[in-house]
Amino acid sequence: MWAQLLISVIMMVISYAIQMANAPKPQDATAGALDIPAPQPGALLAVDFGTNLVKDANIIYYGNASTTPIRASGGK
C-alpha cells in the first residue's frame, strides 16, 4: 500500500517537472503593444442585455492601459 502511494507521488513530481519544462515562456508585456479589437467607423454595435455569447466582439472602452510598478516596503 505504501509502495503504491510512493510510486504515485514520484510519478506526480516527474509529471509536474515535465510540464514546467515544456510550458511556454511569457513575453514581456508593454503598455503600448496592446492588441485590442476596435470597431470600424460606421460599423453597427450590438447592445446585449443579460448573458450572451458574442462571436465578433469589439471593445469600445478598456480603461487606462498604462502600467505602474509595484513598490512595497519590506516587512514591518
N, C-alpha and C. Protein backbone atom coordinates (compact mmCIF):
# COMPACT_ATOMS: atom_id res chain seq x y z
N MET A 1 0.82 -1.18 0.00
CA MET A 1 0.00 0.00 0.00
C MET A 1 0.87 1.25 0.00
N TRP A 2 1.89 1.32 0.88
CA TRP A 2 2.75 2.49 0.94
C TRP A 2 3.61 2.60 -0.31
N ALA A 3 3.95 1.46 -0.89
CA ALA A 3 4.76 1.47 -2.11
C ALA A 3 3.98 2.09 -3.26
N GLN A 4 2.69 1.77 -3.37
CA GLN A 4 1.86 2.35 -4.42
C GLN A 4 1.72 3.86 -4.23
N LEU A 5 1.56 4.31 -3.00
CA LEU A 5 1.46 5.73 -2.72
C LEU A 5 2.77 6.44 -3.07
N LEU A 6 3.88 5.84 -2.71
CA LEU A 6 5.19 6.42 -3.01
C LEU A 6 5.40 6.52 -4.52
N ILE A 7 5.06 5.47 -5.25
CA ILE A 7 5.19 5.49 -6.71
C ILE A 7 4.30 6.57 -7.32
N SER A 8 3.09 6.72 -6.80
CA SER A 8 2.17 7.74 -7.31
C SER A 8 2.72 9.14 -7.08
N VAL A 9 3.28 9.38 -5.91
CA VAL A 9 3.84 10.70 -5.60
C VAL A 9 5.05 10.98 -6.49
N ILE A 10 5.89 10.00 -6.70
CA ILE A 10 7.07 10.17 -7.56
C ILE A 10 6.64 10.46 -8.99
N MET A 11 5.65 9.74 -9.49
CA MET A 11 5.15 9.98 -10.85
C MET A 11 4.54 11.37 -10.97
N MET A 12 3.86 11.84 -9.92
CA MET A 12 3.27 13.16 -9.93
C MET A 12 4.36 14.24 -9.99
N VAL A 13 5.42 14.06 -9.23
CA VAL A 13 6.53 15.02 -9.23
C VAL A 13 7.22 15.04 -10.60
N ILE A 14 7.43 13.88 -11.18
CA ILE A 14 8.05 13.80 -12.51
C ILE A 14 7.16 14.46 -13.55
N SER A 15 5.87 14.21 -13.49
CA SER A 15 4.92 14.81 -14.42
C SER A 15 4.93 16.34 -14.29
N TYR A 16 4.95 16.84 -13.07
CA TYR A 16 4.97 18.28 -12.85
C TYR A 16 6.26 18.90 -13.41
N ALA A 17 7.38 18.22 -13.22
CA ALA A 17 8.66 18.72 -13.73
C ALA A 17 8.65 18.78 -15.26
N ILE A 18 8.08 17.78 -15.91
CA ILE A 18 7.98 17.77 -17.37
C ILE A 18 7.08 18.90 -17.85
N GLN A 19 5.96 19.13 -17.15
CA GLN A 19 5.04 20.21 -17.53
C GLN A 19 5.72 21.57 -17.42
N MET A 20 6.47 21.80 -16.35
CA MET A 20 7.14 23.08 -16.17
C MET A 20 8.25 23.28 -17.20
N ALA A 21 8.91 22.22 -17.58
CA ALA A 21 9.98 22.33 -18.57
C ALA A 21 9.42 22.64 -19.96
N ASN A 22 8.23 22.14 -20.27
CA ASN A 22 7.63 22.33 -21.58
C ASN A 22 6.65 23.50 -21.65
N ALA A 23 6.43 24.21 -20.56
CA ALA A 23 5.47 25.32 -20.54
C ALA A 23 6.00 26.48 -21.38
N PRO A 24 5.10 27.18 -22.10
CA PRO A 24 5.57 28.33 -22.87
C PRO A 24 6.01 29.47 -21.95
N LYS A 25 7.07 30.14 -22.34
CA LYS A 25 7.59 31.24 -21.54
C LYS A 25 6.84 32.51 -21.92
N PRO A 26 6.36 33.31 -20.94
CA PRO A 26 5.62 34.54 -21.26
C PRO A 26 6.54 35.61 -21.83
N GLN A 27 6.00 36.40 -22.75
CA GLN A 27 6.74 37.52 -23.32
C GLN A 27 6.62 38.72 -22.40
N ASP A 28 7.55 39.64 -22.49
CA ASP A 28 7.47 40.86 -21.70
C ASP A 28 6.32 41.71 -22.20
N ALA A 29 5.44 42.10 -21.30
CA ALA A 29 4.28 42.91 -21.68
C ALA A 29 4.65 44.38 -21.66
N THR A 30 4.18 45.10 -22.68
CA THR A 30 4.37 46.54 -22.73
C THR A 30 3.01 47.19 -22.91
N ALA A 31 2.86 48.38 -22.36
CA ALA A 31 1.56 49.05 -22.40
C ALA A 31 1.22 49.52 -23.81
N GLY A 32 2.18 49.84 -24.62
CA GLY A 32 1.89 50.35 -25.96
C GLY A 32 1.60 49.26 -26.98
N ALA A 33 1.79 48.01 -26.64
CA ALA A 33 1.65 46.93 -27.61
C ALA A 33 0.38 46.11 -27.39
N LEU A 34 -0.70 46.75 -26.96
CA LEU A 34 -1.94 46.02 -26.74
C LEU A 34 -2.63 45.75 -28.07
N ASP A 35 -3.14 44.56 -28.22
CA ASP A 35 -3.85 44.18 -29.44
C ASP A 35 -5.33 44.09 -29.08
N ILE A 36 -6.03 45.21 -29.17
CA ILE A 36 -7.43 45.29 -28.74
C ILE A 36 -8.30 45.50 -29.97
N PRO A 37 -9.32 44.65 -30.17
CA PRO A 37 -10.20 44.85 -31.32
C PRO A 37 -11.04 46.11 -31.15
N ALA A 38 -11.04 46.97 -32.14
CA ALA A 38 -11.80 48.22 -32.07
C ALA A 38 -12.79 48.24 -33.25
N PRO A 39 -13.96 48.85 -33.07
CA PRO A 39 -14.94 48.89 -34.15
C PRO A 39 -14.48 49.83 -35.27
N GLN A 40 -14.86 49.50 -36.48
CA GLN A 40 -14.56 50.34 -37.62
C GLN A 40 -15.54 51.50 -37.64
N PRO A 41 -15.15 52.65 -38.16
CA PRO A 41 -16.08 53.78 -38.25
C PRO A 41 -17.30 53.41 -39.09
N GLY A 42 -18.47 53.67 -38.58
CA GLY A 42 -19.71 53.38 -39.29
C GLY A 42 -20.25 51.98 -39.05
N ALA A 43 -19.53 51.15 -38.31
CA ALA A 43 -19.98 49.78 -38.06
C ALA A 43 -21.07 49.78 -37.00
N LEU A 44 -21.99 48.84 -37.09
CA LEU A 44 -23.05 48.72 -36.10
C LEU A 44 -22.52 48.02 -34.85
N LEU A 45 -22.95 48.50 -33.70
CA LEU A 45 -22.56 47.91 -32.44
C LEU A 45 -23.77 47.23 -31.82
N ALA A 46 -23.62 45.99 -31.43
CA ALA A 46 -24.71 45.25 -30.80
C ALA A 46 -24.79 45.63 -29.33
N VAL A 47 -26.02 45.78 -28.84
CA VAL A 47 -26.25 46.04 -27.42
C VAL A 47 -26.90 44.79 -26.86
N ASP A 48 -26.20 44.08 -25.99
CA ASP A 48 -26.71 42.84 -25.42
C ASP A 48 -27.07 43.05 -23.96
N PHE A 49 -28.17 42.47 -23.58
CA PHE A 49 -28.60 42.50 -22.19
C PHE A 49 -28.62 41.08 -21.67
N GLY A 50 -28.05 40.85 -20.51
CA GLY A 50 -28.01 39.50 -19.95
C GLY A 50 -26.74 38.79 -20.35
N THR A 51 -26.78 37.48 -20.30
CA THR A 51 -25.63 36.65 -20.64
C THR A 51 -25.79 36.13 -22.05
N ASN A 52 -24.91 36.57 -22.95
CA ASN A 52 -24.97 36.18 -24.35
C ASN A 52 -23.58 35.82 -24.84
N LEU A 53 -23.52 34.98 -25.85
CA LEU A 53 -22.26 34.64 -26.50
C LEU A 53 -22.11 35.55 -27.71
N VAL A 54 -21.08 36.39 -27.68
CA VAL A 54 -20.83 37.31 -28.78
C VAL A 54 -19.60 36.81 -29.51
N LYS A 55 -19.75 36.43 -30.78
CA LYS A 55 -18.65 35.83 -31.52
C LYS A 55 -17.70 36.87 -32.11
N ASP A 56 -18.20 38.06 -32.43
CA ASP A 56 -17.36 39.10 -33.01
C ASP A 56 -17.43 40.33 -32.11
N ALA A 57 -16.69 40.30 -31.02
CA ALA A 57 -16.77 41.37 -30.03
C ALA A 57 -15.84 42.52 -30.42
N ASN A 58 -16.30 43.72 -30.17
CA ASN A 58 -15.50 44.93 -30.32
C ASN A 58 -15.40 45.59 -28.96
N ILE A 59 -14.23 46.10 -28.67
CA ILE A 59 -14.02 46.77 -27.39
C ILE A 59 -14.20 48.27 -27.63
N ILE A 60 -15.13 48.88 -26.90
CA ILE A 60 -15.38 50.31 -27.04
C ILE A 60 -14.46 51.07 -26.09
N TYR A 61 -14.32 50.58 -24.84
CA TYR A 61 -13.51 51.26 -23.83
C TYR A 61 -12.83 50.20 -22.98
N TYR A 62 -11.56 50.33 -22.77
CA TYR A 62 -10.83 49.34 -21.98
C TYR A 62 -10.09 49.96 -20.82
N GLY A 63 -10.35 51.20 -20.49
CA GLY A 63 -9.75 51.81 -19.31
C GLY A 63 -8.33 52.28 -19.53
N ASN A 64 -7.64 52.52 -18.46
CA ASN A 64 -6.27 53.00 -18.50
C ASN A 64 -5.34 51.84 -18.75
N ALA A 65 -4.66 51.84 -19.89
CA ALA A 65 -3.80 50.72 -20.26
C ALA A 65 -2.36 50.92 -19.83
N SER A 66 -2.08 51.91 -19.00
CA SER A 66 -0.71 52.15 -18.58
C SER A 66 -0.33 51.19 -17.44
N THR A 67 0.94 51.02 -17.26
CA THR A 67 1.41 50.14 -16.20
C THR A 67 2.08 50.97 -15.12
N THR A 68 1.98 50.52 -13.90
CA THR A 68 2.66 51.16 -12.77
C THR A 68 3.43 50.09 -12.01
N PRO A 69 4.68 50.36 -11.70
CA PRO A 69 5.45 49.35 -10.96
C PRO A 69 4.92 49.17 -9.54
N ILE A 70 5.03 47.96 -9.06
CA ILE A 70 4.60 47.67 -7.69
C ILE A 70 5.79 47.90 -6.78
N ARG A 71 5.60 48.79 -5.82
CA ARG A 71 6.67 49.08 -4.87
C ARG A 71 6.14 48.79 -3.48
N ALA A 72 6.82 47.92 -2.80
CA ALA A 72 6.38 47.54 -1.46
C ALA A 72 7.55 47.70 -0.51
N SER A 73 7.24 48.18 0.68
CA SER A 73 8.28 48.25 1.69
C SER A 73 8.46 46.86 2.30
N GLY A 74 9.64 46.57 2.72
CA GLY A 74 9.94 45.23 3.21
C GLY A 74 9.56 45.00 4.65
N GLY A 75 8.46 44.28 4.87
CA GLY A 75 8.07 43.83 6.20
C GLY A 75 7.72 44.94 7.18
N LYS A 76 7.58 44.56 8.42
CA LYS A 76 7.23 45.52 9.46
C LYS A 76 8.44 46.01 10.19
